[in-house]
Amino acid sequence: MIDTTQEMAERVAARHAAMTVEERVRAAASMFETAWAIVEASIPAEIQGEDRHYAVLKRFYGDEMPDAALRACARAMS
């Protein structure tokens, strides 16, 4: 399903093309941080520390990464 007009899609594409590399990186980082905050807010408050990081990573990566890798990453983040 496409809910964007061709004109608007072209305007967005032109805006992205006009962005510097730094602007693109900042925009991507901002979107990632927002997504992380939304996912983290959905994790019950009683889950903390390494288990909390693991829960967020699991939501982001699901079965795309081995569980051992997600656990190791969560451990490194704690």
PDB file of N, CA and C in Angstrom:
ATOM      1  N   MET A   1       0.838  -1.173   0.000  1.00  0.00           N
ATOM      2  CA  MET A   1       0.000   0.000   0.000  1.00  0.00           C
ATOM      3  C   MET A   1       0.887   1.242   0.000  1.00  0.00           C
ATOM      4  N   ILE A   2       0.600   2.149  -0.876  1.00  0.00           N
ATOM      5  CA  ILE A   2       1.326   3.413  -0.946  1.00  0.00           C
ATOM      6  C   ILE A   2       0.340   4.527  -0.626  1.00  0.00           C
ATOM      7  N   ASP A   3       0.621   5.270   0.440  1.00  0.00           N
ATOM      8  CA  ASP A   3      -0.288   6.338   0.833  1.00  0.00           C
ATOM      9  C   ASP A   3       0.346   7.716   0.654  1.00  0.00           C
ATOM     10  N   THR A   4       1.426   7.782  -0.130  1.00  0.00           N
ATOM     11  CA  THR A   4       2.119   9.030  -0.388  1.00  0.00           C
ATOM     12  C   THR A   4       1.967   9.388  -1.865  1.00  0.00           C
ATOM     13  N   THR A   5       1.630  10.644  -2.114  1.00  0.00           N
ATOM     14  CA  THR A   5       1.503  11.065  -3.513  1.00  0.00           C
ATOM     15  C   THR A   5       2.879  11.061  -4.174  1.00  0.00           C
ATOM     16  N   GLN A   6       2.883  10.923  -5.477  1.00  0.00           N
ATOM     17  CA  GLN A   6       4.139  10.934  -6.234  1.00  0.00           C
ATOM     18  C   GLN A   6       4.883  12.251  -6.009  1.00  0.00           C
ATOM     19  N   GLU A   7       4.150  13.351  -5.984  1.00  0.00           N
ATOM     20  CA  GLU A   7       4.766  14.663  -5.764  1.00  0.00           C
ATOM     21  C   GLU A   7       5.476  14.717  -4.416  1.00  0.00           C
ATOM     22  N   MET A   8       4.805  14.235  -3.381  1.00  0.00           N
ATOM     23  CA  MET A   8       5.417  14.278  -2.050  1.00  0.00           C
ATOM     24  C   MET A   8       6.618  13.340  -1.979  1.00  0.00           C
ATOM     25  N   ALA A   9       6.521  12.170  -2.582  1.00  0.00           N
ATOM     26  CA  ALA A   9       7.649  11.241  -2.600  1.00  0.00           C
ATOM     27  C   ALA A   9       8.858  11.876  -3.271  1.00  0.00           C
ATOM     28  N   GLU A  10       8.624  12.591  -4.342  1.00  0.00           N
ATOM     29  CA  GLU A  10       9.716  13.271  -5.053  1.00  0.00           C
ATOM     30  C   GLU A  10      10.314  14.388  -4.204  1.00  0.00           C
ATOM     31  N   ARG A  11       9.472  15.116  -3.496  1.00  0.00           N
ATOM     32  CA  ARG A  11       9.964  16.186  -2.614  1.00  0.00           C
ATOM     33  C   ARG A  11      10.821  15.620  -1.496  1.00  0.00           C
ATOM     34  N   VAL A  12      10.382  14.516  -0.902  1.00  0.00           N
ATOM     35  CA  VAL A  12      11.148  13.875   0.175  1.00  0.00           C
ATOM     36  C   VAL A  12      12.481  13.354  -0.369  1.00  0.00           C
ATOM     37  N   ALA A  13      12.443  12.716  -1.530  1.00  0.00           N
ATOM     38  CA  ALA A  13      13.670  12.200  -2.137  1.00  0.00           C
ATOM     39  C   ALA A  13      14.645  13.332  -2.437  1.00  0.00           C
ATOM     40  N   ALA A  14      14.132  14.461  -2.928  1.00  0.00           N
ATOM     41  CA  ALA A  14      14.992  15.608  -3.219  1.00  0.00           C
ATOM     42  C   ALA A  14      15.602  16.164  -1.940  1.00  0.00           C
ATOM     43  N   ARG A  15      14.816  16.204  -0.882  1.00  0.00           N
ATOM     44  CA  ARG A  15      15.331  16.710   0.406  1.00  0.00           C
ATOM     45  C   ARG A  15      16.435  15.800   0.921  1.00  0.00           C
ATOM     46  N   HIS A  16      16.221  14.497   0.866  1.00  0.00           N
ATOM     47  CA  HIS A  16      17.252  13.563   1.323  1.00  0.00           C
ATOM     48  C   HIS A  16      18.509  13.679   0.472  1.00  0.00           C
ATOM     49  N   ALA A  17      18.345  13.833  -0.830  1.00  0.00           N
ATOM     50  CA  ALA A  17      19.498  13.960  -1.720  1.00  0.00           C
ATOM     51  C   ALA A  17      20.304  15.227  -1.420  1.00  0.00           C
ATOM     52  N   ALA A  18      19.629  16.256  -0.933  1.00  0.00           N
ATOM     53  CA  ALA A  18      20.294  17.522  -0.635  1.00  0.00           C
ATOM     54  C   ALA A  18      21.008  17.512   0.716  1.00  0.00           C
ATOM     55  N   MET A  19      20.739  16.512   1.527  1.00  0.00           N
ATOM     56  CA  MET A  19      21.345  16.444   2.856  1.00  0.00           C
ATOM     57  C   MET A  19      22.824  16.073   2.765  1.00  0.00           C
ATOM     58  N   THR A  20      23.601  16.615   3.690  1.00  0.00           N
ATOM     59  CA  THR A  20      25.002  16.217   3.780  1.00  0.00           C
ATOM     60  C   THR A  20      25.071  14.846   4.442  1.00  0.00           C
ATOM     61  N   VAL A  21      26.221  14.232   4.357  1.00  0.00           N
ATOM     62  CA  VAL A  21      26.408  12.930   5.026  1.00  0.00           C
ATOM     63  C   VAL A  21      26.159  13.085   6.523  1.00  0.00           C
ATOM     64  N   GLU A  22      26.664  14.154   7.114  1.00  0.00           N
ATOM     65  CA  GLU A  22      26.475  14.384   8.545  1.00  0.00           C
ATOM     66  C   GLU A  22      24.989  14.499   8.887  1.00  0.00           C
ATOM     67  N   GLU A  23      24.229  15.202   8.079  1.00  0.00           N
ATOM     68  CA  GLU A  23      22.791  15.341   8.326  1.00  0.00           C
ATOM     69  C   GLU A  23      22.090  13.990   8.237  1.00  0.00           C
ATOM     70  N   ARG A  24      22.487  13.175   7.275  1.00  0.00           N
ATOM     71  CA  ARG A  24      21.880  11.844   7.136  1.00  0.00           C
ATOM     72  C   ARG A  24      22.191  10.974   8.336  1.00  0.00           C
ATOM     73  N   VAL A  25      23.444  11.013   8.797  1.00  0.00           N
ATOM     74  CA  VAL A  25      23.831  10.210   9.963  1.00  0.00           C
ATOM     75  C   VAL A  25      23.068  10.674  11.200  1.00  0.00           C
ATOM     76  N   ARG A  26      22.976  11.986  11.376  1.00  0.00           N
ATOM     77  CA  ARG A  26      22.238  12.507  12.534  1.00  0.00           C
ATOM     78  C   ARG A  26      20.762  12.100  12.489  1.00  0.00           C
ATOM     79  N   ALA A  27      20.162  12.167  11.306  1.00  0.00           N
ATOM     80  CA  ALA A  27      18.752  11.783  11.170  1.00  0.00           C
ATOM     81  C   ALA A  27      18.572  10.300  11.481  1.00  0.00           C
ATOM     82  N   ALA A  28      19.458   9.467  10.964  1.00  0.00           N
ATOM     83  CA  ALA A  28      19.362   8.028  11.223  1.00  0.00           C
ATOM     84  C   ALA A  28      19.560   7.727  12.707  1.00  0.00           C
ATOM     85  N   ALA A  29      20.530   8.386  13.330  1.00  0.00           N
ATOM     86  CA  ALA A  29      20.780   8.169  14.755  1.00  0.00           C
ATOM     87  C   ALA A  29      19.582   8.603  15.593  1.00  0.00           C
ATOM     88  N   SER A  30      18.995   9.720  15.226  1.00  0.00           N
ATOM     89  CA  SER A  30      17.820  10.209  15.946  1.00  0.00           C
ATOM     90  C   SER A  30      16.651   9.226  15.834  1.00  0.00           C
ATOM     91  N   MET A  31      16.437   8.694  14.628  1.00  0.00           N
ATOM     92  CA  MET A  31      15.350   7.724  14.446  1.00  0.00           C
ATOM     93  C   MET A  31      15.618   6.453  15.245  1.00  0.00           C
ATOM     94  N   PHE A  32      16.881   6.004  15.263  1.00  0.00           N
ATOM     95  CA  PHE A  32      17.216   4.805  16.026  1.00  0.00           C
ATOM     96  C   PHE A  32      16.977   5.037  17.520  1.00  0.00           C
ATOM     97  N   GLU A  33      17.426   6.181  18.035  1.00  0.00           N
ATOM     98  CA  GLU A  33      17.228   6.486  19.455  1.00  0.00           C
ATOM     99  C   GLU A  33      15.745   6.538  19.805  1.00  0.00           C
ATOM    100  N   THR A  34      14.939   7.098  18.930  1.00  0.00           N
ATOM    101  CA  THR A  34      13.497   7.150  19.168  1.00  0.00           C
ATOM    102  C   THR A  34      12.905   5.748  19.169  1.00  0.00           C
ATOM    103  N   ALA A  35      13.295   4.933  18.207  1.00  0.00           N
ATOM    104  CA  ALA A  35      12.803   3.552  18.156  1.00  0.00           C
ATOM    105  C   ALA A  35      13.212   2.793  19.403  1.00  0.00           C
ATOM    106  N   TRP A  36      14.451   2.972  19.850  1.00  0.00           N
ATOM    107  CA  TRP A  36      14.942   2.301  21.061  1.00  0.00           C
ATOM    108  C   TRP A  36      14.082   2.702  22.259  1.00  0.00           C
ATOM    109  N   ALA A  37      13.810   4.004  22.391  1.00  0.00           N
ATOM    110  CA  ALA A  37      13.005   4.494  23.520  1.00  0.00           C
ATOM    111  C   ALA A  37      11.594   3.914  23.494  1.00  0.00           C
ATOM    112  N   ILE A  38      11.007   3.800  22.315  1.00  0.00           N
ATOM    113  CA  ILE A  38       9.657   3.243  22.202  1.00  0.00           C
ATOM    114  C   ILE A  38       9.658   1.779  22.619  1.00  0.00           C
ATOM    115  N   VAL A  39      10.637   1.015  22.132  1.00  0.00           N
ATOM    116  CA  VAL A  39      10.708  -0.404  22.491  1.00  0.00           C
ATOM    117  C   VAL A  39      10.985  -0.547  23.976  1.00  0.00           C
ATOM    118  N   GLU A  40      11.926   0.230  24.499  1.00  0.00           N
ATOM    119  CA  GLU A  40      12.263   0.129  25.921  1.00  0.00           C
ATOM    120  C   GLU A  40      11.058   0.457  26.801  1.00  0.00           C
ATOM    121  N   ALA A  41      10.233   1.405  26.374  1.00  0.00           N
ATOM    122  CA  ALA A  41       9.050   1.767  27.149  1.00  0.00           C
ATOM    123  C   ALA A  41       8.040   0.620  27.216  1.00  0.00           C
ATOM    124  N   SER A  42       8.123  -0.298  26.268  1.00  0.00           N
ATOM    125  CA  SER A  42       7.180  -1.419  26.257  1.00  0.00           C
ATOM    126  C   SER A  42       7.637  -2.582  27.145  1.00  0.00           C
ATOM    127  N   ILE A  43       8.869  -2.516  27.657  1.00  0.00           N
ATOM    128  CA  ILE A  43       9.404  -3.577  28.512  1.00  0.00           C
ATOM    129  C   ILE A  43       8.960  -3.293  29.949  1.00  0.00           C
ATOM    130  N   PRO A  44       8.436  -4.291  30.657  1.00  0.00           N
ATOM    131  CA  PRO A  44       7.998  -4.068  32.036  1.00  0.00           C
ATOM    132  C   PRO A  44       9.110  -3.469  32.913  1.00  0.00           C
ATOM    133  N   ALA A  45       8.742  -2.538  33.776  1.00  0.00           N
ATOM    134  CA  ALA A  45       9.703  -1.813  34.617  1.00  0.00           C
ATOM    135  C   ALA A  45      10.512  -2.731  35.526  1.00  0.00           C
ATOM    136  N   GLU A  46       9.932  -3.863  35.912  1.00  0.00           N
ATOM    137  CA  GLU A  46      10.667  -4.749  36.828  1.00  0.00           C
ATOM    138  C   GLU A  46      11.824  -5.485  36.147  1.00  0.00           C
ATOM    139  N   ILE A  47      11.870  -5.464  34.841  1.00  0.00           N
ATOM    140  CA  ILE A  47      12.999  -6.064  34.113  1.00  0.00           C
ATOM    141  C   ILE A  47      14.078  -4.999  34.010  1.00  0.00           C
ATOM    142  N   GLN A  48      15.231  -5.268  34.590  1.00  0.00           N
ATOM    143  CA  GLN A  48      16.296  -4.264  34.660  1.00  0.00           C
ATOM    144  C   GLN A  48      17.634  -4.838  34.218  1.00  0.00           C
ATOM    145  N   GLY A  49      18.600  -3.938  34.069  1.00  0.00           N
ATOM    146  CA  GLY A  49      19.975  -4.318  33.789  1.00  0.00           C
ATOM    147  C   GLY A  49      20.140  -5.100  32.491  1.00  0.00           C
ATOM    148  N   GLU A  50      20.968  -6.147  32.575  1.00  0.00           N
ATOM    149  CA  GLU A  50      21.279  -6.971  31.408  1.00  0.00           C
ATOM    150  C   GLU A  50      20.021  -7.564  30.786  1.00  0.00           C
ATOM    151  N   ASP A  51      19.090  -7.999  31.628  1.00  0.00           N
ATOM    152  CA  ASP A  51      17.856  -8.591  31.105  1.00  0.00           C
ATOM    153  C   ASP A  51      17.035  -7.565  30.321  1.00  0.00           C
ATOM    154  N   ARG A  52      17.073  -6.313  30.741  1.00  0.00           N
ATOM    155  CA  ARG A  52      16.340  -5.260  30.035  1.00  0.00           C
ATOM    156  C   ARG A  52      16.974  -4.999  28.663  1.00  0.00           C
ATOM    157  N   HIS A  53      18.294  -4.901  28.643  1.00  0.00           N
ATOM    158  CA  HIS A  53      18.987  -4.703  27.370  1.00  0.00           C
ATOM    159  C   HIS A  53      18.713  -5.881  26.433  1.00  0.00           C
ATOM    160  N   TYR A  54      18.747  -7.078  26.982  1.00  0.00           N
ATOM    161  CA  TYR A  54      18.478  -8.267  26.163  1.00  0.00           C
ATOM    162  C   TYR A  54      17.066  -8.201  25.576  1.00  0.00           C
ATOM    163  N   ALA A  55      16.091  -7.816  26.390  1.00  0.00           N
ATOM    164  CA  ALA A  55      14.701  -7.752  25.916  1.00  0.00           C
ATOM    165  C   ALA A  55      14.560  -6.760  24.763  1.00  0.00           C
ATOM    166  N   VAL A  56      15.223  -5.615  24.869  1.00  0.00           N
ATOM    167  CA  VAL A  56      15.147  -4.622  23.794  1.00  0.00           C
ATOM    168  C   VAL A  56      15.835  -5.168  22.539  1.00  0.00           C
ATOM    169  N   LEU A  57      17.023  -5.730  22.709  1.00  0.00           N
ATOM    170  CA  LEU A  57      17.747  -6.283  21.564  1.00  0.00           C
ATOM    171  C   LEU A  57      16.958  -7.397  20.889  1.00  0.00           C
ATOM    172  N   LYS A  58      16.314  -8.229  21.689  1.00  0.00           N
ATOM    173  CA  LYS A  58      15.509  -9.321  21.138  1.00  0.00           C
ATOM    174  C   LYS A  58      14.369  -8.766  20.293  1.00  0.00           C
ATOM    175  N   ARG A  59      13.747  -7.679  20.767  1.00  0.00           N
ATOM    176  CA  ARG A  59      12.667  -7.053  19.995  1.00  0.00           C
ATOM    177  C   ARG A  59      13.188  -6.480  18.685  1.00  0.00           C
ATOM    178  N   PHE A  60      14.383  -5.896  18.723  1.00  0.00           N
ATOM    179  CA  PHE A  60      14.957  -5.318  17.514  1.00  0.00           C
ATOM    180  C   PHE A  60      15.385  -6.378  16.514  1.00  0.00           C
ATOM    181  N   TYR A  61      16.056  -7.407  16.997  1.00  0.00           N
ATOM    182  CA  TYR A  61      16.710  -8.346  16.089  1.00  0.00           C
ATOM    183  C   TYR A  61      16.049  -9.713  16.007  1.00  0.00           C
ATOM    184  N   GLY A  62      15.137 -10.029  16.916  1.00  0.00           N
ATOM    185  CA  GLY A  62      14.402 -11.286  16.866  1.00  0.00           C
ATOM    186  C   GLY A  62      15.297 -12.480  16.652  1.00  0.00           C
ATOM    187  N   ASP A  63      15.018 -13.237  15.612  1.00  0.00           N
ATOM    188  CA  ASP A  63      15.795 -14.442  15.321  1.00  0.00           C
ATOM    189  C   ASP A  63      16.880 -14.185  14.277  1.00  0.00           C
ATOM    190  N   GLU A  64      17.119 -12.923  13.931  1.00  0.00           N
ATOM    191  CA  GLU A  64      18.138 -12.609  12.935  1.00  0.00           C
ATOM    192  C   GLU A  64      19.547 -12.772  13.477  1.00  0.00           C
ATOM    193  N   MET A  65      19.685 -12.698  14.802  1.00  0.00           N
ATOM    194  CA  MET A  65      20.990 -12.873  15.439  1.00  0.00           C
ATOM    195  C   MET A  65      20.889 -14.026  16.422  1.00  0.00           C
ATOM    196  N   PRO A  66      21.970 -14.782  16.581  1.00  0.00           N
ATOM    197  CA  PRO A  66      21.948 -15.865  17.566  1.00  0.00           C
ATOM    198  C   PRO A  66      21.702 -15.314  18.966  1.00  0.00           C
ATOM    199  N   ASP A  67      20.992 -16.071  19.756  1.00  0.00           N
ATOM    200  CA  ASP A  67      20.674 -15.655  21.121  1.00  0.00           C
ATOM    201  C   ASP A  67      21.942 -15.361  21.921  1.00  0.00           C
ATOM    202  N   ALA A  68      22.984 -16.164  21.704  1.00  0.00           N
ATOM    203  CA  ALA A  68      24.244 -15.945  22.427  1.00  0.00           C
ATOM    204  C   ALA A  68      24.832 -14.575  22.105  1.00  0.00           C
ATOM    205  N   ALA A  69      24.697 -14.135  20.864  1.00  0.00           N
ATOM    206  CA  ALA A  69      25.207 -12.820  20.473  1.00  0.00           C
ATOM    207  C   ALA A  69      24.393 -11.709  21.138  1.00  0.00           C
ATOM    208  N   LEU A  70      23.080 -11.882  21.193  1.00  0.00           N
ATOM    209  CA  LEU A  70      22.234 -10.890  21.861  1.00  0.00           C
ATOM    210  C   LEU A  70      22.569 -10.806  23.342  1.00  0.00           C
ATOM    211  N   ARG A  71      22.773 -11.965  23.968  1.00  0.00           N
ATOM    212  CA  ARG A  71      23.133 -11.983  25.405  1.00  0.00           C
ATOM    213  C   ARG A  71      24.475 -11.308  25.633  1.00  0.00           C
ATOM    214  N   ALA A  72      25.452 -11.596  24.769  1.00  0.00           N
ATOM    215  CA  ALA A  72      26.778 -10.987  24.917  1.00  0.00           C
ATOM    216  C   ALA A  72      26.699  -9.469  24.761  1.00  0.00           C
ATOM    217  N   CYS A  73      25.923  -9.008  23.811  1.00  0.00           N
ATOM    218  CA  CYS A  73      25.753  -7.578  23.591  1.00  0.00           C
ATOM    219  C   CYS A  73      25.082  -6.939  24.808  1.00  0.00           C
ATOM    220  N   ALA A  74      24.029  -7.578  25.316  1.00  0.00           N
ATOM    221  CA  ALA A  74      23.316  -7.069  26.490  1.00  0.00           C
ATOM    222  C   ALA A  74      24.247  -7.001  27.696  1.00  0.00           C
ATOM    223  N   ARG A  75      25.099  -8.006  27.842  1.00  0.00           N
ATOM    224  CA  ARG A  75      26.060  -8.031  28.946  1.00  0.00           C
ATOM    225  C   ARG A  75      27.048  -6.867  28.804  1.00  0.00           C
ATOM    226  N   ALA A  76      27.513  -6.616  27.597  1.00  0.00           N
ATOM    227  CA  ALA A  76      28.473  -5.536  27.359  1.00  0.00           C
ATOM    228  C   ALA A  76      27.850  -4.168  27.600  1.00  0.00           C
ATOM    229  N   MET A  77      26.554  -4.053  27.388  1.00  0.00           N
ATOM    230  CA  MET A  77      25.855  -2.786  27.587  1.00  0.00           C
ATOM    231  C   MET A  77      25.602  -2.486  29.055  1.00  0.00           C
ATOM    232  N   SER A  78      25.622  -3.511  29.885  1.00  0.00           N
ATOM    233  CA  SER A  78      25.282  -3.332  31.308  1.00  0.00           C
ATOM    234  C   SER A  78      26.459  -2.901  32.132  1.00  0.00           C
TER     235      SER A  78
END
